[in-house]
């Protein structure tokens, strides 16, 4: 155990619901190999230490820890709570869309990824995932619109342009 971890644990022994110490310790533990489940529990405690209106980013951090701990179903439920409590959280909708996509719920993924794109119109990643979902669902016209939007967002970026061109060629 590092000195910093020991210090944080001492702070929590004195004040078990110290949100700053919980957040820092959860991040510290989560960065360690083989301690992902422990990090999830610390993030849960951190979420519980906050007032309901201030939990959006904490729920997103918990969901990310759950993904890293291979608890995808729990992560999806946590993200549903996240976007319900913080409906402007684009990253929450983006990650929820990816989890739904991975579980085969393409319609749910489309809804979440579309919302992420609306909340952060300059984000390329959710639009690419959205285009993929739409294509798989046979909604080619909508997928083409998303790829066109990605091309516009990446104007001047050769890597983005090359990726869009490759994706468009695959679609044909």
N, C-alpha and C. Protein backbone atom coordinates (compact mmCIF):
# COMPACT_ATOMS: atom_id res chain seq x y z
N UNK A 1 0.86 -1.18 0.00
CA UNK A 1 0.00 0.00 0.00
C UNK A 1 0.90 1.24 0.00
N UNK A 2 0.58 2.17 -0.87
CA UNK A 2 1.36 3.40 -0.96
C UNK A 2 1.05 4.32 0.23
N UNK A 3 1.90 5.28 0.42
CA UNK A 3 1.69 6.26 1.49
C UNK A 3 0.40 7.03 1.26
N UNK A 4 0.15 7.40 -0.01
CA UNK A 4 -1.06 8.18 -0.32
C UNK A 4 -2.32 7.35 -0.04
N UNK A 5 -2.30 6.09 -0.42
CA UNK A 5 -3.45 5.23 -0.16
C UNK A 5 -3.68 5.09 1.34
N UNK A 6 -2.60 4.89 2.09
CA UNK A 6 -2.71 4.76 3.55
C UNK A 6 -3.30 6.05 4.15
N UNK A 7 -2.85 7.19 3.65
CA UNK A 7 -3.35 8.48 4.14
C UNK A 7 -4.86 8.61 3.86
N UNK A 8 -5.26 8.23 2.65
CA UNK A 8 -6.68 8.32 2.29
C UNK A 8 -7.52 7.37 3.15
N UNK A 9 -7.00 6.19 3.39
CA UNK A 9 -7.73 5.22 4.22
C UNK A 9 -7.84 5.71 5.67
N UNK A 10 -6.83 6.39 6.16
CA UNK A 10 -6.89 6.99 7.51
C UNK A 10 -7.97 8.07 7.55
N UNK A 11 -8.01 8.90 6.53
CA UNK A 11 -9.06 9.94 6.46
C UNK A 11 -10.45 9.31 6.47
N UNK A 12 -10.59 8.20 5.74
CA UNK A 12 -11.90 7.53 5.68
C UNK A 12 -12.23 6.81 6.98
N UNK A 13 -11.22 6.37 7.70
CA UNK A 13 -11.48 5.75 9.01
C UNK A 13 -12.06 6.79 9.96
N UNK A 14 -11.56 8.01 9.85
CA UNK A 14 -12.04 9.10 10.70
C UNK A 14 -13.39 9.63 10.23
N UNK A 15 -13.57 9.66 8.91
CA UNK A 15 -14.79 10.21 8.32
C UNK A 15 -15.20 9.33 7.13
N UNK A 16 -15.95 8.24 7.36
CA UNK A 16 -16.24 7.24 6.32
C UNK A 16 -16.95 7.76 5.07
N UNK A 17 -17.62 8.89 5.16
CA UNK A 17 -18.35 9.41 4.00
C UNK A 17 -17.69 10.66 3.42
N UNK A 18 -16.39 10.83 3.60
CA UNK A 18 -15.65 11.97 3.07
C UNK A 18 -15.61 11.84 1.54
N UNK A 19 -16.40 12.64 0.82
CA UNK A 19 -16.48 12.45 -0.62
C UNK A 19 -15.16 12.69 -1.36
N UNK A 20 -14.37 13.64 -0.91
CA UNK A 20 -13.10 13.90 -1.59
C UNK A 20 -12.15 12.72 -1.44
N UNK A 21 -12.06 12.18 -0.24
CA UNK A 21 -11.19 11.02 -0.01
C UNK A 21 -11.71 9.80 -0.76
N UNK A 22 -13.01 9.60 -0.77
CA UNK A 22 -13.58 8.45 -1.49
C UNK A 22 -13.29 8.54 -2.99
N UNK A 23 -13.49 9.73 -3.55
CA UNK A 23 -13.24 9.91 -4.98
C UNK A 23 -11.77 9.65 -5.33
N UNK A 24 -10.89 10.23 -4.54
CA UNK A 24 -9.46 10.07 -4.82
C UNK A 24 -9.02 8.61 -4.63
N UNK A 25 -9.49 7.97 -3.58
CA UNK A 25 -9.12 6.58 -3.33
C UNK A 25 -9.69 5.66 -4.40
N UNK A 26 -10.92 5.91 -4.81
CA UNK A 26 -11.53 5.09 -5.87
C UNK A 26 -10.73 5.20 -7.16
N UNK A 27 -10.32 6.41 -7.51
CA UNK A 27 -9.52 6.61 -8.72
C UNK A 27 -8.16 5.93 -8.57
N UNK A 28 -7.56 6.06 -7.41
CA UNK A 28 -6.24 5.46 -7.14
C UNK A 28 -6.32 3.93 -7.25
N UNK A 29 -7.28 3.34 -6.57
CA UNK A 29 -7.42 1.89 -6.58
C UNK A 29 -7.79 1.40 -7.97
N UNK A 30 -8.66 2.13 -8.67
CA UNK A 30 -9.08 1.74 -10.01
C UNK A 30 -7.95 1.71 -11.01
N UNK A 31 -6.90 2.46 -10.75
CA UNK A 31 -5.75 2.49 -11.66
C UNK A 31 -4.82 1.30 -11.42
N UNK A 32 -5.07 0.54 -10.37
CA UNK A 32 -4.23 -0.60 -10.02
C UNK A 32 -4.75 -1.87 -10.70
N UNK A 33 -3.85 -2.66 -11.18
CA UNK A 33 -4.21 -3.94 -11.80
C UNK A 33 -4.76 -4.88 -10.71
N UNK A 34 -5.84 -5.56 -11.05
CA UNK A 34 -6.39 -6.56 -10.14
C UNK A 34 -7.23 -6.02 -9.01
N UNK A 35 -7.54 -4.72 -9.03
CA UNK A 35 -8.31 -4.12 -7.94
C UNK A 35 -9.58 -3.45 -8.45
N UNK A 36 -10.06 -3.91 -9.60
CA UNK A 36 -11.21 -3.25 -10.23
C UNK A 36 -12.48 -3.41 -9.39
N UNK A 37 -12.73 -4.59 -8.83
CA UNK A 37 -13.94 -4.79 -8.02
C UNK A 37 -13.91 -3.91 -6.78
N UNK A 38 -12.73 -3.77 -6.18
CA UNK A 38 -12.59 -2.89 -5.01
C UNK A 38 -12.88 -1.44 -5.41
N UNK A 39 -12.41 -1.05 -6.58
CA UNK A 39 -12.68 0.31 -7.06
C UNK A 39 -14.18 0.54 -7.24
N UNK A 40 -14.88 -0.46 -7.76
CA UNK A 40 -16.33 -0.33 -7.95
C UNK A 40 -17.00 -0.04 -6.60
N UNK A 41 -16.60 -0.77 -5.57
CA UNK A 41 -17.21 -0.56 -4.26
C UNK A 41 -16.90 0.83 -3.70
N UNK A 42 -15.68 1.30 -3.94
CA UNK A 42 -15.35 2.66 -3.51
C UNK A 42 -16.15 3.71 -4.26
N UNK A 43 -16.34 3.51 -5.58
CA UNK A 43 -17.15 4.45 -6.35
C UNK A 43 -18.60 4.41 -5.87
N UNK A 44 -19.10 3.23 -5.50
CA UNK A 44 -20.47 3.15 -4.95
C UNK A 44 -20.59 3.98 -3.67
N UNK A 45 -19.60 3.85 -2.81
CA UNK A 45 -19.59 4.64 -1.58
C UNK A 45 -19.53 6.13 -1.89
N UNK A 46 -18.74 6.48 -2.89
CA UNK A 46 -18.63 7.89 -3.28
C UNK A 46 -19.98 8.42 -3.76
N UNK A 47 -20.64 7.66 -4.61
CA UNK A 47 -21.97 8.07 -5.10
C UNK A 47 -22.92 8.27 -3.93
N UNK A 48 -22.90 7.33 -3.00
CA UNK A 48 -23.80 7.41 -1.84
C UNK A 48 -23.49 8.60 -0.94
N UNK A 49 -22.28 9.10 -0.98
CA UNK A 49 -21.88 10.23 -0.13
C UNK A 49 -22.36 11.57 -0.66
N UNK A 50 -22.86 11.59 -1.89
CA UNK A 50 -23.26 12.85 -2.54
C UNK A 50 -24.76 13.07 -2.46
N UNK A 51 -25.12 14.33 -2.57
CA UNK A 51 -26.54 14.69 -2.65
C UNK A 51 -27.09 14.21 -3.99
N UNK A 52 -28.35 13.82 -4.07
CA UNK A 52 -28.91 13.28 -5.32
C UNK A 52 -28.70 14.17 -6.55
N UNK A 53 -28.79 15.44 -6.45
CA UNK A 53 -28.63 16.31 -7.62
C UNK A 53 -27.20 16.44 -8.12
N UNK A 54 -26.25 15.95 -7.34
CA UNK A 54 -24.83 16.12 -7.69
C UNK A 54 -24.17 14.79 -8.07
N UNK A 55 -24.96 13.80 -8.43
CA UNK A 55 -24.42 12.46 -8.65
C UNK A 55 -24.11 12.11 -10.10
N UNK A 56 -24.41 12.96 -11.06
CA UNK A 56 -24.25 12.61 -12.47
C UNK A 56 -22.85 12.14 -12.83
N UNK A 57 -21.85 12.95 -12.56
CA UNK A 57 -20.47 12.58 -12.90
C UNK A 57 -19.99 11.40 -12.07
N UNK A 58 -20.45 11.32 -10.82
CA UNK A 58 -20.06 10.20 -9.95
C UNK A 58 -20.64 8.89 -10.49
N UNK A 59 -21.87 8.93 -10.95
CA UNK A 59 -22.47 7.72 -11.54
C UNK A 59 -21.74 7.31 -12.81
N UNK A 60 -21.32 8.29 -13.60
CA UNK A 60 -20.54 7.98 -14.80
C UNK A 60 -19.21 7.32 -14.41
N UNK A 61 -18.55 7.84 -13.38
CA UNK A 61 -17.29 7.23 -12.93
C UNK A 61 -17.54 5.81 -12.41
N UNK A 62 -18.63 5.60 -11.69
CA UNK A 62 -18.98 4.26 -11.22
C UNK A 62 -19.20 3.32 -12.40
N UNK A 63 -19.93 3.79 -13.40
CA UNK A 63 -20.20 2.95 -14.57
C UNK A 63 -18.91 2.59 -15.29
N UNK A 64 -18.01 3.53 -15.43
CA UNK A 64 -16.72 3.24 -16.08
C UNK A 64 -15.95 2.18 -15.29
N UNK A 65 -15.98 2.30 -13.96
CA UNK A 65 -15.31 1.30 -13.12
C UNK A 65 -15.98 -0.06 -13.30
N UNK A 66 -17.30 -0.08 -13.40
CA UNK A 66 -18.00 -1.34 -13.60
C UNK A 66 -17.64 -1.96 -14.95
N UNK A 67 -17.49 -1.15 -15.97
CA UNK A 67 -17.06 -1.66 -17.28
C UNK A 67 -15.67 -2.28 -17.14
N UNK A 68 -14.77 -1.58 -16.49
CA UNK A 68 -13.41 -2.10 -16.31
C UNK A 68 -13.41 -3.39 -15.50
N UNK A 69 -14.36 -3.53 -14.58
CA UNK A 69 -14.47 -4.74 -13.75
C UNK A 69 -15.30 -5.82 -14.45
N UNK A 70 -15.66 -5.57 -15.69
CA UNK A 70 -16.45 -6.51 -16.50
C UNK A 70 -17.84 -6.77 -15.91
N UNK A 71 -18.45 -5.70 -15.44
CA UNK A 71 -19.80 -5.75 -14.89
C UNK A 71 -20.72 -4.92 -15.79
N UNK A 72 -20.81 -5.35 -17.05
CA UNK A 72 -21.51 -4.55 -18.06
C UNK A 72 -22.98 -4.33 -17.75
N UNK A 73 -23.66 -5.35 -17.27
CA UNK A 73 -25.09 -5.20 -16.97
C UNK A 73 -25.29 -4.17 -15.86
N UNK A 74 -24.46 -4.24 -14.82
CA UNK A 74 -24.54 -3.25 -13.75
C UNK A 74 -24.21 -1.86 -14.27
N UNK A 75 -23.20 -1.79 -15.16
CA UNK A 75 -22.81 -0.50 -15.72
C UNK A 75 -23.95 0.12 -16.51
N UNK A 76 -24.67 -0.69 -17.28
CA UNK A 76 -25.80 -0.16 -18.06
C UNK A 76 -26.88 0.40 -17.12
N UNK A 77 -27.16 -0.30 -16.03
CA UNK A 77 -28.15 0.21 -15.08
C UNK A 77 -27.67 1.50 -14.41
N UNK A 78 -26.40 1.54 -14.07
CA UNK A 78 -25.82 2.75 -13.48
C UNK A 78 -25.92 3.92 -14.46
N UNK A 79 -25.65 3.66 -15.73
CA UNK A 79 -25.74 4.72 -16.74
C UNK A 79 -27.18 5.18 -16.95
N UNK A 80 -28.11 4.28 -16.84
CA UNK A 80 -29.52 4.71 -16.93
C UNK A 80 -29.85 5.67 -15.80
N UNK A 81 -29.35 5.37 -14.61
CA UNK A 81 -29.53 6.29 -13.48
C UNK A 81 -28.81 7.61 -13.75
N UNK A 82 -27.60 7.51 -14.30
CA UNK A 82 -26.80 8.70 -14.59
C UNK A 82 -27.54 9.64 -15.51
N UNK A 83 -28.04 9.13 -16.63
CA UNK A 83 -28.68 10.02 -17.60
C UNK A 83 -30.06 10.47 -17.12
N UNK A 84 -30.68 9.70 -16.21
CA UNK A 84 -31.95 10.16 -15.63
C UNK A 84 -31.69 11.32 -14.67
N UNK A 85 -30.63 11.22 -13.88
CA UNK A 85 -30.31 12.27 -12.92
C UNK A 85 -29.60 13.46 -13.55
N UNK A 86 -28.87 13.20 -14.64
CA UNK A 86 -28.11 14.26 -15.32
C UNK A 86 -28.38 14.15 -16.82
N UNK A 87 -29.56 14.58 -17.26
CA UNK A 87 -29.94 14.38 -18.67
C UNK A 87 -29.09 15.14 -19.68
N UNK A 88 -28.19 15.98 -19.21
CA UNK A 88 -27.30 16.70 -20.11
C UNK A 88 -25.92 16.06 -20.20
N UNK A 89 -25.75 14.88 -19.65
CA UNK A 89 -24.46 14.21 -19.60
C UNK A 89 -24.21 13.43 -20.89
N UNK A 90 -23.58 14.08 -21.85
CA UNK A 90 -23.32 13.45 -23.15
C UNK A 90 -22.48 12.19 -23.03
N UNK A 91 -21.47 12.23 -22.17
CA UNK A 91 -20.60 11.06 -22.00
C UNK A 91 -21.38 9.87 -21.44
N UNK A 92 -22.34 10.14 -20.57
CA UNK A 92 -23.19 9.07 -20.03
C UNK A 92 -24.01 8.42 -21.12
N UNK A 93 -24.62 9.22 -21.98
CA UNK A 93 -25.40 8.67 -23.10
C UNK A 93 -24.49 7.91 -24.07
N UNK A 94 -23.29 8.43 -24.31
CA UNK A 94 -22.35 7.79 -25.22
C UNK A 94 -21.97 6.40 -24.72
N UNK A 95 -21.56 6.31 -23.46
CA UNK A 95 -21.17 5.01 -22.91
C UNK A 95 -22.36 4.06 -22.83
N UNK A 96 -23.53 4.58 -22.47
CA UNK A 96 -24.73 3.74 -22.45
C UNK A 96 -25.00 3.18 -23.85
N UNK A 97 -24.89 4.02 -24.86
CA UNK A 97 -25.08 3.57 -26.23
C UNK A 97 -24.12 2.46 -26.61
N UNK A 98 -22.86 2.61 -26.21
CA UNK A 98 -21.88 1.57 -26.51
C UNK A 98 -22.20 0.26 -25.81
N UNK A 99 -22.63 0.33 -24.55
CA UNK A 99 -22.98 -0.89 -23.83
C UNK A 99 -24.21 -1.56 -24.43
N UNK A 100 -25.20 -0.76 -24.80
CA UNK A 100 -26.40 -1.33 -25.42
C UNK A 100 -26.06 -1.94 -26.77
N UNK A 101 -25.22 -1.28 -27.51
CA UNK A 101 -24.76 -1.81 -28.80
C UNK A 101 -24.06 -3.15 -28.61
N UNK A 102 -23.19 -3.22 -27.61
CA UNK A 102 -22.46 -4.45 -27.33
C UNK A 102 -23.35 -5.59 -26.88
N UNK A 103 -24.48 -5.25 -26.25
CA UNK A 103 -25.40 -6.29 -25.78
C UNK A 103 -26.44 -6.66 -26.84
N UNK A 104 -26.39 -5.97 -27.98
CA UNK A 104 -27.31 -6.30 -29.07
C UNK A 104 -28.58 -5.48 -29.09
N UNK A 105 -28.75 -4.55 -28.18
CA UNK A 105 -29.93 -3.68 -28.16
C UNK A 105 -29.65 -2.47 -29.05
N UNK A 106 -29.74 -2.69 -30.36
CA UNK A 106 -29.37 -1.63 -31.31
C UNK A 106 -30.34 -0.45 -31.28
N UNK A 107 -31.61 -0.71 -31.10
CA UNK A 107 -32.58 0.41 -31.03
C UNK A 107 -32.29 1.28 -29.81
N UNK A 108 -32.02 0.66 -28.67
CA UNK A 108 -31.66 1.42 -27.48
C UNK A 108 -30.36 2.18 -27.68
N UNK A 109 -29.41 1.52 -28.36
CA UNK A 109 -28.13 2.17 -28.64
C UNK A 109 -28.32 3.38 -29.53
N UNK A 110 -29.16 3.25 -30.55
CA UNK A 110 -29.42 4.37 -31.46
C UNK A 110 -29.96 5.56 -30.67
N UNK A 111 -30.92 5.29 -29.80
CA UNK A 111 -31.52 6.37 -29.00
C UNK A 111 -30.47 7.06 -28.13
N UNK A 112 -29.65 6.27 -27.43
CA UNK A 112 -28.64 6.84 -26.54
C UNK A 112 -27.56 7.58 -27.33
N UNK A 113 -27.08 6.99 -28.41
CA UNK A 113 -26.03 7.62 -29.20
C UNK A 113 -26.52 8.88 -29.90
N UNK A 114 -27.77 8.86 -30.34
CA UNK A 114 -28.34 10.07 -30.96
C UNK A 114 -28.40 11.20 -29.93
N UNK A 115 -28.80 10.84 -28.70
CA UNK A 115 -28.87 11.86 -27.64
C UNK A 115 -27.47 12.39 -27.31
N UNK A 116 -26.46 11.51 -27.28
CA UNK A 116 -25.09 11.95 -27.03
C UNK A 116 -24.64 12.91 -28.11
N UNK A 117 -25.00 12.62 -29.36
CA UNK A 117 -24.63 13.48 -30.49
C UNK A 117 -25.34 14.83 -30.42
N UNK A 118 -26.57 14.83 -29.97
CA UNK A 118 -27.31 16.09 -29.82
C UNK A 118 -26.69 16.95 -28.73
N UNK A 119 -26.30 16.31 -27.63
CA UNK A 119 -25.73 17.05 -26.50
C UNK A 119 -24.33 17.57 -26.78
N UNK A 120 -23.57 16.82 -27.58
CA UNK A 120 -22.21 17.24 -27.94
C UNK A 120 -22.05 17.12 -29.45
N UNK A 121 -22.56 18.11 -30.18
CA UNK A 121 -22.56 18.03 -31.64
C UNK A 121 -21.18 17.93 -32.28
N UNK A 122 -20.14 18.27 -31.55
CA UNK A 122 -18.79 18.20 -32.13
C UNK A 122 -18.11 16.85 -31.89
N UNK A 123 -18.77 15.95 -31.17
CA UNK A 123 -18.18 14.64 -30.87
C UNK A 123 -18.32 13.71 -32.08
N UNK A 124 -17.22 13.13 -32.46
CA UNK A 124 -17.20 12.25 -33.63
C UNK A 124 -17.54 10.81 -33.26
N UNK A 125 -16.99 10.32 -32.14
CA UNK A 125 -17.14 8.93 -31.76
C UNK A 125 -18.59 8.45 -31.66
N UNK A 126 -19.47 9.16 -30.97
CA UNK A 126 -20.85 8.65 -30.90
C UNK A 126 -21.54 8.65 -32.27
N UNK A 127 -21.19 9.58 -33.13
CA UNK A 127 -21.78 9.59 -34.48
C UNK A 127 -21.33 8.39 -35.30
N UNK A 128 -20.06 8.01 -35.17
CA UNK A 128 -19.58 6.82 -35.88
C UNK A 128 -20.30 5.57 -35.38
N UNK A 129 -20.44 5.46 -34.05
CA UNK A 129 -21.15 4.31 -33.48
C UNK A 129 -22.61 4.32 -33.91
N UNK A 130 -23.20 5.50 -33.94
CA UNK A 130 -24.59 5.63 -34.38
C UNK A 130 -24.74 5.19 -35.83
N UNK A 131 -23.83 5.61 -36.68
CA UNK A 131 -23.88 5.21 -38.09
C UNK A 131 -23.79 3.70 -38.22
N UNK A 132 -22.94 3.08 -37.44
CA UNK A 132 -22.79 1.63 -37.47
C UNK A 132 -24.09 0.93 -37.05
N UNK A 133 -24.70 1.40 -35.99
CA UNK A 133 -25.97 0.82 -35.52
C UNK A 133 -27.05 0.98 -36.57
N UNK A 134 -27.15 2.16 -37.13
CA UNK A 134 -28.18 2.42 -38.15
C UNK A 134 -27.97 1.53 -39.36
N UNK A 135 -26.73 1.37 -39.77
CA UNK A 135 -26.42 0.50 -40.91
C UNK A 135 -26.85 -0.94 -40.62
N UNK A 136 -26.51 -1.43 -39.44
CA UNK A 136 -26.86 -2.79 -39.06
C UNK A 136 -28.38 -2.98 -39.03
N UNK A 137 -29.09 -1.94 -38.65
CA UNK A 137 -30.56 -2.00 -38.61
C UNK A 137 -31.19 -1.82 -39.99
N UNK A 138 -30.36 -1.61 -41.01
CA UNK A 138 -30.88 -1.42 -42.37
C UNK A 138 -31.37 -0.02 -42.65
N UNK A 139 -30.99 0.92 -41.83
CA UNK A 139 -31.41 2.32 -42.00
C UNK A 139 -30.27 3.09 -42.67
N UNK A 140 -30.00 2.70 -43.93
CA UNK A 140 -28.84 3.20 -44.67
C UNK A 140 -28.84 4.70 -44.86
N UNK A 141 -29.98 5.27 -45.16
CA UNK A 141 -30.04 6.71 -45.39
C UNK A 141 -29.63 7.49 -44.16
N UNK A 142 -30.12 7.07 -43.00
CA UNK A 142 -29.75 7.74 -41.75
C UNK A 142 -28.27 7.54 -41.45
N UNK A 143 -27.76 6.34 -41.72
CA UNK A 143 -26.34 6.07 -41.50
C UNK A 143 -25.49 6.97 -42.37
N UNK A 144 -25.89 7.14 -43.63
CA UNK A 144 -25.15 8.01 -44.55
C UNK A 144 -25.15 9.45 -44.05
N UNK A 145 -26.27 9.90 -43.48
CA UNK A 145 -26.34 11.26 -42.93
C UNK A 145 -25.36 11.43 -41.77
N UNK A 146 -25.26 10.42 -40.93
CA UNK A 146 -24.33 10.49 -39.80
C UNK A 146 -22.89 10.53 -40.28
N UNK A 147 -22.57 9.72 -41.29
CA UNK A 147 -21.21 9.72 -41.84
C UNK A 147 -20.89 11.06 -42.49
N UNK A 148 -21.88 11.66 -43.14
CA UNK A 148 -21.67 12.99 -43.73
C UNK A 148 -21.40 14.02 -42.63
N UNK A 149 -22.12 13.89 -41.52
CA UNK A 149 -21.88 14.81 -40.40
C UNK A 149 -20.48 14.62 -39.82
N UNK A 150 -20.04 13.36 -39.75
CA UNK A 150 -18.69 13.09 -39.26
C UNK A 150 -17.66 13.70 -40.21
N UNK A 151 -17.91 13.56 -41.50
CA UNK A 151 -16.98 14.14 -42.49
C UNK A 151 -16.89 15.65 -42.31
N UNK A 152 -18.01 16.30 -42.08
CA UNK A 152 -18.00 17.75 -41.86
C UNK A 152 -17.24 18.11 -40.59
N UNK A 153 -17.47 17.33 -39.53
CA UNK A 153 -16.79 17.59 -38.26
C UNK A 153 -15.28 17.41 -38.39
N UNK A 154 -14.88 16.46 -39.22
CA UNK A 154 -13.46 16.17 -39.36
C UNK A 154 -12.80 16.87 -40.53
N UNK A 155 -13.48 17.85 -41.09
CA UNK A 155 -12.91 18.57 -42.23
C UNK A 155 -11.53 19.08 -41.86
N UNK A 156 -10.57 18.77 -42.71
CA UNK A 156 -9.21 19.19 -42.46
C UNK A 156 -8.40 18.19 -41.66
N UNK A 157 -9.06 17.15 -41.16
CA UNK A 157 -8.35 16.11 -40.41
C UNK A 157 -8.22 14.89 -41.32
N UNK A 158 -7.04 14.63 -41.84
CA UNK A 158 -6.86 13.54 -42.80
C UNK A 158 -7.24 12.17 -42.24
N UNK A 159 -7.01 11.95 -40.94
CA UNK A 159 -7.34 10.65 -40.35
C UNK A 159 -8.85 10.43 -40.34
N UNK A 160 -9.61 11.45 -39.97
CA UNK A 160 -11.06 11.34 -39.94
C UNK A 160 -11.59 11.16 -41.36
N UNK A 161 -11.07 11.96 -42.29
CA UNK A 161 -11.51 11.84 -43.69
C UNK A 161 -11.24 10.44 -44.24
N UNK A 162 -10.07 9.89 -43.95
CA UNK A 162 -9.73 8.55 -44.43
C UNK A 162 -10.66 7.51 -43.81
N UNK A 163 -10.95 7.66 -42.53
CA UNK A 163 -11.86 6.72 -41.86
C UNK A 163 -13.25 6.77 -42.47
N UNK A 164 -13.76 7.96 -42.69
CA UNK A 164 -15.10 8.10 -43.28
C UNK A 164 -15.11 7.50 -44.68
N UNK A 165 -14.09 7.77 -45.47
CA UNK A 165 -14.03 7.20 -46.83
C UNK A 165 -14.02 5.68 -46.78
N UNK A 166 -13.26 5.12 -45.86
CA UNK A 166 -13.19 3.65 -45.73
C UNK A 166 -14.55 3.09 -45.33
N UNK A 167 -15.21 3.74 -44.38
CA UNK A 167 -16.52 3.28 -43.95
C UNK A 167 -17.56 3.38 -45.08
N UNK A 168 -17.50 4.45 -45.83
CA UNK A 168 -18.44 4.61 -46.94
C UNK A 168 -18.19 3.54 -48.01
N UNK A 169 -16.94 3.22 -48.26
CA UNK A 169 -16.63 2.17 -49.25
C UNK A 169 -17.11 0.82 -48.77
N UNK A 170 -16.97 0.53 -47.49
CA UNK A 170 -17.46 -0.73 -46.94
C UNK A 170 -18.97 -0.85 -47.07
N UNK A 171 -19.66 0.27 -46.91
CA UNK A 171 -21.12 0.27 -46.99
C UNK A 171 -21.59 -0.07 -48.40
N UNK A 172 -20.79 0.30 -49.42
CA UNK A 172 -21.20 0.06 -50.81
C UNK A 172 -20.97 -1.36 -51.11
